[in-house]
């Protein structure tokens, strides 16, 4: 009769979700109150989720009030009706609920004829 010995090893594997990275561009680089700016947040990325699952939202004046709802659409157009220096803020959220933020400055001048 052969004797068999069994051994067991307990291994703890810790899987952590990292927050996404927030990034966007806009065009044109300069504009006035007649300009419709095009914002592109498709530069956001996450190590665990594909870009198309990431959700974004925008705060055009960086005043703490989000001007859009979360959406997977990374392209947005916006027109500033008042001349001034703005700081556009973006939040990106992954499927586990972790978020990241970034903002970029934009200068809007008065439109022609105003």
C-alpha atoms as a PDB file:
ATOM      1  CA  UNK A   1       0.000   0.000   0.000  1.00  0.00           C
ATOM      2  CA  UNK A   2       1.331   3.434  -1.016  1.00  0.00           C
ATOM      3  CA  UNK A   3       0.848   6.348   1.321  1.00  0.00           C
ATOM      4  CA  UNK A   4       0.074   9.722  -0.161  1.00  0.00           C
ATOM      5  CA  UNK A   5       0.677  12.973   1.596  1.00  0.00           C
ATOM      6  CA  UNK A   6      -1.221  16.046   0.561  1.00  0.00           C
ATOM      7  CA  UNK A   7      -0.212  19.580   1.225  1.00  0.00           C
ATOM      8  CA  UNK A   8      -2.161  22.720   0.793  1.00  0.00           C
ATOM      9  CA  UNK A   9      -0.917  26.230   0.408  1.00  0.00           C
ATOM     10  CA  UNK A  10      -3.060  29.238   0.993  1.00  0.00           C
ATOM     11  CA  UNK A  11      -2.222  32.221  -1.173  1.00  0.00           C
ATOM     12  CA  UNK A  12      -3.860  35.596  -0.860  1.00  0.00           C
ATOM     13  CA  UNK A  13      -4.053  37.538  -4.078  1.00  0.00           C
ATOM     14  CA  UNK A  14      -4.976  41.144  -3.788  1.00  0.00           C
ATOM     15  CA  UNK A  15      -6.469  42.749  -6.882  1.00  0.00           C
ATOM     16  CA  UNK A  16      -6.741  46.500  -6.751  1.00  0.00           C
ATOM     17  CA  UNK A  17      -8.413  48.871  -9.125  1.00  0.00           C
ATOM     18  CA  UNK A  18      -6.347  51.889 -10.067  1.00  0.00           C
ATOM     19  CA  UNK A  19      -8.021  55.196 -10.874  1.00  0.00           C
ATOM     20  CA  UNK A  20      -8.263  56.251 -14.504  1.00  0.00           C
ATOM     21  CA  UNK A  21      -6.182  59.054 -16.011  1.00  0.00           C
ATOM     22  CA  UNK A  22      -8.002  62.219 -17.067  1.00  0.00           C
ATOM     23  CA  UNK A  23      -6.870  64.107 -20.171  1.00  0.00           C
ATOM     24  CA  UNK A  24      -8.501  66.225 -22.857  1.00  0.00           C
ATOM     25  CA  UNK A  25      -7.800  68.664 -25.642  1.00  0.00           C
ATOM     26  CA  UNK A  26      -9.854  71.421 -27.203  1.00  0.00           C
ATOM     27  CA  UNK A  27      -9.937  73.345 -30.444  1.00  0.00           C
ATOM     28  CA  UNK A  28      -9.608  75.953 -31.596  1.00  0.00           C
ATOM     29  CA  UNK A  29      -6.907  77.114 -29.198  1.00  0.00           C
ATOM     30  CA  UNK A  30      -8.243  80.687 -29.243  1.00  0.00           C
ATOM     31  CA  UNK A  31     -11.738  82.006 -29.564  1.00  0.00           C
ATOM     32  CA  UNK A  32     -14.345  84.552 -28.699  1.00  0.00           C
ATOM     33  CA  UNK A  33     -17.954  84.507 -27.554  1.00  0.00           C
ATOM     34  CA  UNK A  34     -19.020  83.488 -31.092  1.00  0.00           C
ATOM     35  CA  UNK A  35     -16.714  80.441 -31.124  1.00  0.00           C
ATOM     36  CA  UNK A  36     -17.981  76.912 -30.575  1.00  0.00           C
ATOM     37  CA  UNK A  37     -15.130  75.010 -28.938  1.00  0.00           C
ATOM     38  CA  UNK A  38     -14.693  71.275 -29.524  1.00  0.00           C
ATOM     39  CA  UNK A  39     -13.575  69.273 -26.479  1.00  0.00           C
ATOM     40  CA  UNK A  40     -12.118  65.781 -26.805  1.00  0.00           C
ATOM     41  CA  UNK A  41     -11.698  63.533 -23.749  1.00  0.00           C
ATOM     42  CA  UNK A  42     -10.827  60.375 -25.696  1.00  0.00           C
ATOM     43  CA  UNK A  43      -7.304  60.705 -24.276  1.00  0.00           C
ATOM     44  CA  UNK A  44      -8.558  59.410 -20.919  1.00  0.00           C
ATOM     45  CA  UNK A  45      -7.408  55.896 -20.112  1.00  0.00           C
ATOM     46  CA  UNK A  46      -7.555  53.240 -17.444  1.00  0.00           C
ATOM     47  CA  UNK A  47      -5.399  50.171 -16.783  1.00  0.00           C
ATOM     48  CA  UNK A  48      -8.415  47.933 -16.120  1.00  0.00           C
ATOM     49  CA  UNK A  49     -11.150  49.326 -18.389  1.00  0.00           C
ATOM     50  CA  UNK A  50     -11.214  50.080 -22.104  1.00  0.00           C
ATOM     51  CA  UNK A  51     -11.629  53.751 -23.032  1.00  0.00           C
ATOM     52  CA  UNK A  52     -15.160  53.270 -24.371  1.00  0.00           C
ATOM     53  CA  UNK A  53     -16.417  52.234 -20.901  1.00  0.00           C
ATOM     54  CA  UNK A  54     -15.013  55.277 -19.111  1.00  0.00           C
ATOM     55  CA  UNK A  55     -17.522  58.001 -18.302  1.00  0.00           C
ATOM     56  CA  UNK A  56     -16.786  61.713 -18.349  1.00  0.00           C
ATOM     57  CA  UNK A  57     -18.501  64.924 -17.287  1.00  0.00           C
ATOM     58  CA  UNK A  58     -17.626  68.607 -17.724  1.00  0.00           C
ATOM     59  CA  UNK A  59     -17.584  71.742 -15.592  1.00  0.00           C
ATOM     60  CA  UNK A  60     -17.091  74.587 -18.067  1.00  0.00           C
ATOM     61  CA  UNK A  61     -16.305  77.282 -15.480  1.00  0.00           C
ATOM     62  CA  UNK A  62     -14.612  75.022 -12.901  1.00  0.00           C
ATOM     63  CA  UNK A  63     -17.042  76.437 -10.344  1.00  0.00           C
ATOM     64  CA  UNK A  64     -17.814  73.086  -8.713  1.00  0.00           C
ATOM     65  CA  UNK A  65     -21.124  72.707 -10.547  1.00  0.00           C
ATOM     66  CA  UNK A  66     -21.047  69.988 -13.189  1.00  0.00           C
ATOM     67  CA  UNK A  67     -22.585  71.251 -16.422  1.00  0.00           C
ATOM     68  CA  UNK A  68     -23.061  67.799 -17.991  1.00  0.00           C
ATOM     69  CA  UNK A  69     -24.049  64.376 -16.748  1.00  0.00           C
ATOM     70  CA  UNK A  70     -21.697  61.390 -16.874  1.00  0.00           C
ATOM     71  CA  UNK A  71     -21.561  59.897 -20.355  1.00  0.00           C
ATOM     72  CA  UNK A  72     -19.327  57.566 -22.347  1.00  0.00           C
ATOM     73  CA  UNK A  73     -19.352  60.149 -25.172  1.00  0.00           C
ATOM     74  CA  UNK A  74     -15.913  61.768 -25.045  1.00  0.00           C
ATOM     75  CA  UNK A  75     -16.657  64.560 -27.558  1.00  0.00           C
ATOM     76  CA  UNK A  76     -18.439  67.729 -26.481  1.00  0.00           C
ATOM     77  CA  UNK A  77     -19.025  71.183 -27.973  1.00  0.00           C
ATOM     78  CA  UNK A  78     -19.408  74.294 -25.860  1.00  0.00           C
ATOM     79  CA  UNK A  79     -19.786  78.015 -26.464  1.00  0.00           C
ATOM     80  CA  UNK A  80     -18.900  80.580 -23.802  1.00  0.00           C
ATOM     81  CA  UNK A  81     -21.302  83.526 -24.016  1.00  0.00           C
ATOM     82  CA  UNK A  82     -19.285  85.779 -21.709  1.00  0.00           C
ATOM     83  CA  UNK A  83     -15.690  86.826 -22.344  1.00  0.00           C
ATOM     84  CA  UNK A  84     -13.226  85.822 -19.653  1.00  0.00           C
ATOM     85  CA  UNK A  85     -10.583  83.442 -18.411  1.00  0.00           C
ATOM     86  CA  UNK A  86     -12.032  79.999 -17.797  1.00  0.00           C
ATOM     87  CA  UNK A  87     -10.677  76.791 -16.340  1.00  0.00           C
ATOM     88  CA  UNK A  88     -12.509  73.862 -17.907  1.00  0.00           C
ATOM     89  CA  UNK A  89     -12.627  70.842 -15.603  1.00  0.00           C
ATOM     90  CA  UNK A  90     -13.081  67.204 -16.612  1.00  0.00           C
ATOM     91  CA  UNK A  91     -13.878  64.229 -14.416  1.00  0.00           C
ATOM     92  CA  UNK A  92     -13.387  60.689 -15.705  1.00  0.00           C
ATOM     93  CA  UNK A  93     -14.846  57.696 -13.854  1.00  0.00           C
ATOM     94  CA  UNK A  94     -14.075  53.992 -14.352  1.00  0.00           C
ATOM     95  CA  UNK A  95     -16.499  51.050 -14.029  1.00  0.00           C
ATOM     96  CA  UNK A  96     -15.538  50.566 -10.369  1.00  0.00           C
ATOM     97  CA  UNK A  97     -16.396  54.182  -9.510  1.00  0.00           C
ATOM     98  CA  UNK A  98     -12.871  55.561  -9.163  1.00  0.00           C
ATOM     99  CA  UNK A  99     -12.393  59.053 -10.599  1.00  0.00           C
ATOM    100  CA  UNK A 100      -9.669  61.387 -11.767  1.00  0.00           C
ATOM    101  CA  UNK A 101      -9.791  65.086 -12.611  1.00  0.00           C
ATOM    102  CA  UNK A 102      -7.949  67.539 -14.801  1.00  0.00           C
ATOM    103  CA  UNK A 103      -8.500  71.071 -16.001  1.00  0.00           C
ATOM    104  CA  UNK A 104      -7.187  73.344 -18.719  1.00  0.00           C
ATOM    105  CA  UNK A 105      -7.296  77.147 -18.992  1.00  0.00           C
ATOM    106  CA  UNK A 106      -9.089  78.814 -21.879  1.00  0.00           C
ATOM    107  CA  UNK A 107      -9.304  82.517 -22.710  1.00  0.00           C
ATOM    108  CA  UNK A 108     -12.481  83.741 -24.403  1.00  0.00           C
ATOM    109  CA  UNK A 109     -12.519  87.245 -25.861  1.00  0.00           C
ATOM    110  CA  UNK A 110     -15.487  89.367 -26.892  1.00  0.00           C
ATOM    111  CA  UNK A 111     -16.985  88.443 -30.229  1.00  0.00           C
ATOM    112  CA  UNK A 112     -16.731  90.763 -33.214  1.00  0.00           C
ATOM    113  CA  UNK A 113     -19.368  93.455 -33.306  1.00  0.00           C
ATOM    114  CA  UNK A 114     -19.955  93.340 -29.559  1.00  0.00           C
END
